[in-house]
Amino acid sequence: MPRLDRMRKRRVMAKAKVYGFSPWVDQVDAINQIMKETGERTESALLRTLVDEALEARRRKRLPIPVSEESDHEFGGRLEFIEQLLLRLVQQGDVSFRVQDLCLALLQDVLAQAYATRRLLWESLVVPQLREKGINGNDLESRFTLQTDQAKHFAYGLALQIKDSIESLEWPACH
């Protein structure tokens, strides 16, 4: 293993201090597996490397992570990208709101025209025939209201059916 060879050449072995310990069984298995994977032949060299890695990890854990210019620039780039996406979403939301506002105004106009046309036809065609049959003004208005209520019931029922059929379609999960 090239890394261990380089470490042996640069570092001086402490002859005065030797650490001896009895490893756990799972540690022996793990050390044997690492030796097999890396091709290391002596446990002591591998254990020194593992101790170095553990000590370095402990040092990194204690020290605050330094922010390099590269990572700071990358972080700033990400923030800019997120800001651009948010601005685009706000613009799309604004356009969508304006389109919905226009659709509502057009729908209101269509409904007003439909009601006016229905009222005109009712008063010019239906009312004269019903008056000839002896039906008075209160009954005429209640019949008009009853037909309006039946039409609303039909329209709301149809809208509910359409909504249910749309909701039963499988849409990609958004959350």
Foldseek 3Di string as FASTA:
>chain_A
DVVLVVCVVPDDDDPVDDDDDDDDPVVVVVLVVVCVVVVDDDSVSVVVVVVVVVVVVVVPVPDDDDDDPVNVVVVVVVVVVVVVVVVVVVVVVVVVVVVVVVVVVVVVVVVVVVVVVVVVCCVPPVVVVVVVVPDDDVVSVVVVVVVVVVVVVVVVVVVVVVVVVVVVDDDDDPD
